[in-house]
Protein backbone atom coordinates (compact mmCIF):
# COMPACT_ATOMS: atom_id res chain seq x y z
CA UNK A 1 0.00 0.00 0.00
CA UNK A 2 1.40 3.39 -1.01
CA UNK A 3 1.82 6.05 1.65
CA UNK A 4 -0.49 9.05 1.52
CA UNK A 5 0.83 12.25 0.01
CA UNK A 6 1.09 15.18 2.40
CA UNK A 7 1.13 18.75 1.12
CA UNK A 8 3.43 21.42 2.57
CA UNK A 9 2.81 25.05 1.68
CA UNK A 10 4.99 28.11 1.52
CA UNK A 11 6.25 30.91 -0.63
CA UNK A 12 7.85 34.29 -0.46
CA UNK A 13 7.37 36.74 2.40
CA UNK A 14 4.80 38.95 0.62
CA UNK A 15 2.78 36.07 -0.87
CA UNK A 16 3.33 36.86 -4.55
CA UNK A 17 5.10 33.51 -5.11
CA UNK A 18 3.52 30.39 -3.62
CA UNK A 19 4.68 26.79 -3.60
CA UNK A 20 3.09 23.47 -2.69
CA UNK A 21 5.45 20.55 -2.07
CA UNK A 22 3.78 17.13 -1.93
CA UNK A 23 5.52 14.05 -0.61
CA UNK A 24 4.67 10.75 1.01
CA UNK A 25 7.98 10.75 2.89
CA UNK A 26 8.29 11.90 6.49
CA UNK A 27 9.69 15.46 6.62
CA UNK A 28 12.58 14.42 8.88
CA UNK A 29 13.70 11.85 6.26
CA UNK A 30 13.93 14.21 3.28
CA UNK A 31 17.50 15.13 2.40
CA UNK A 32 18.24 18.84 2.66
CA UNK A 33 21.03 20.20 0.50
CA UNK A 34 23.14 23.32 0.82
CA UNK A 35 24.61 23.93 -2.61
CA UNK A 36 27.97 25.60 -2.22
CA UNK A 37 27.64 27.98 -5.17
CA UNK A 38 27.79 31.69 -4.37
CA UNK A 39 24.07 32.20 -5.15
CA UNK A 40 22.81 29.55 -2.73
CA UNK A 41 25.31 30.51 -0.03
CA UNK A 42 24.30 34.17 -0.36
CA UNK A 43 20.64 33.25 0.13
CA UNK A 44 21.28 30.76 2.95
CA UNK A 45 19.23 28.27 0.94
CA UNK A 46 18.65 24.67 1.89
CA UNK A 47 16.84 22.91 -0.91
CA UNK A 48 15.03 19.62 -1.07
CA UNK A 49 13.05 17.49 -3.46
CA UNK A 50 11.29 14.15 -3.77
CA UNK A 51 11.36 12.41 -7.17
CA UNK A 52 8.21 10.52 -6.11
CA UNK A 53 6.42 13.69 -5.00
CA UNK A 54 4.88 16.66 -6.78
CA UNK A 55 5.45 20.40 -6.86
CA UNK A 56 3.08 23.23 -7.73
CA UNK A 57 4.13 26.86 -8.09
CA UNK A 58 1.85 29.88 -8.44
CA UNK A 59 3.39 33.25 -9.17
CA UNK A 60 2.25 36.77 -9.91
CA UNK A 61 3.86 37.71 -13.21
CA UNK A 62 4.73 41.22 -11.98
CA UNK A 63 6.69 39.79 -9.02
CA UNK A 64 8.45 36.77 -10.54
CA UNK A 65 12.14 37.02 -11.36
CA UNK A 66 13.66 34.03 -13.16
CA UNK A 67 17.39 34.17 -12.55
CA UNK A 68 19.84 31.99 -14.50
CA UNK A 69 23.55 31.69 -13.85
CA UNK A 70 26.38 29.20 -14.29
CA UNK A 71 25.34 26.69 -16.95
CA UNK A 72 22.01 28.56 -17.35
CA UNK A 73 19.95 25.35 -17.33
CA UNK A 74 17.40 26.20 -14.61
CA UNK A 75 15.34 29.18 -13.49
CA UNK A 76 15.91 30.22 -9.88
CA UNK A 77 12.68 31.84 -8.70
CA UNK A 78 12.95 35.06 -6.72
CA UNK A 79 10.29 37.54 -5.66
CA UNK A 80 11.02 41.03 -7.00
CA UNK A 81 9.02 42.56 -4.15
CA UNK A 82 10.40 40.91 -1.00
CA UNK A 83 13.55 39.22 -2.36
CA UNK A 84 12.84 35.65 -1.21
CA UNK A 85 14.29 32.76 -3.24
CA UNK A 86 11.62 30.02 -3.16
CA UNK A 87 13.23 27.36 -5.37
CA UNK A 88 14.21 26.48 -8.90
CA UNK A 89 12.64 24.84 -11.94
CA UNK A 90 14.20 22.82 -14.73
CA UNK A 91 12.08 22.63 -17.88
CA UNK A 92 12.58 20.29 -20.81
CA UNK A 93 10.04 19.99 -23.62
CA UNK A 94 6.63 19.78 -21.90
CA UNK A 95 7.96 18.49 -18.58
CA UNK A 96 9.42 20.15 -15.53
CA UNK A 97 11.15 19.36 -12.25
CA UNK A 98 11.66 21.56 -9.23
CA UNK A 99 13.39 21.99 -5.90
CA UNK A 100 12.04 24.02 -3.02
CA UNK A 101 14.00 26.16 -0.60
CA UNK A 102 12.93 24.54 2.67
CA UNK A 103 13.29 27.93 4.37
CA UNK A 104 10.36 29.18 2.26
CA UNK A 105 7.95 26.54 3.63
CA UNK A 106 5.57 27.39 6.49
CA UNK A 107 6.40 24.00 8.07
CA UNK A 108 10.18 24.51 7.69
CA UNK A 109 10.95 23.26 11.20
CA UNK A 110 9.46 19.82 10.42
CA UNK A 111 12.24 19.24 7.86
CA UNK A 112 15.06 18.39 10.22
CA UNK A 113 17.36 16.00 8.35
CA UNK A 114 21.02 17.03 8.47
CA UNK A 115 22.01 19.47 5.75
CA UNK A 116 24.40 18.00 3.17
CA UNK A 117 26.84 20.46 1.61
CA UNK A 118 26.90 19.73 -2.11
CA UNK A 119 29.27 20.92 -4.85
CA UNK A 120 28.05 20.52 -8.42
CA UNK A 121 31.23 21.76 -10.14
CA UNK A 122 32.28 19.65 -13.11
CA UNK A 123 28.78 18.83 -14.34
CA UNK A 124 28.02 19.39 -17.99
CA UNK A 125 24.65 20.80 -19.08
CA UNK A 126 23.61 17.26 -20.06
CA UNK A 127 24.68 15.56 -16.83
CA UNK A 128 23.12 18.34 -14.78
CA UNK A 129 19.81 17.88 -16.60
CA UNK A 130 19.89 14.12 -16.07
CA UNK A 131 20.60 14.56 -12.35
CA UNK A 132 17.73 16.98 -11.98
CA UNK A 133 15.28 14.70 -13.79
CA UNK A 134 16.29 11.83 -11.51
CA UNK A 135 16.39 13.68 -8.17
CA UNK A 136 14.18 16.74 -8.38
CA UNK A 137 10.42 16.77 -7.78
CA UNK A 138 8.12 16.51 -10.82
CA UNK A 139 6.54 19.90 -11.50
CA UNK A 140 2.78 19.39 -11.85
CA UNK A 141 1.89 23.05 -12.31
CA UNK A 142 3.76 26.31 -12.84
CA UNK A 143 1.13 29.03 -13.05
CA UNK A 144 2.19 32.59 -13.77
CA UNK A 145 -0.66 35.11 -13.90
């Protein structure tokens, strides 16, 4: 019997960007990652994902900033009003995958697994895309209005 999916909600400080992270895993068991790039370190981000889960993102078009850097293969989502980084999306053809900044979730304290420091240097655009498709959360909806 499959475990029930639980939804966790969050977003930016002003509410212009909202995220729903769905997983059947216990929050304390979900790996949290601290990418060691200068962007993630500057934001104090700890990201997480569940390849068996689902992610939904709703954003106001006038507040959404899609920032690309490095290999320029993903959009890092930042609110232009309050400055919060909520996560990133990787899009390929008609599919998408996402990570969420656990600090942007209302239930952030429930996610208590140790934080793994990760360095992604040396990846090619192709290997980075394959890693994201395997490890990131499937993006069910990305609504910008």
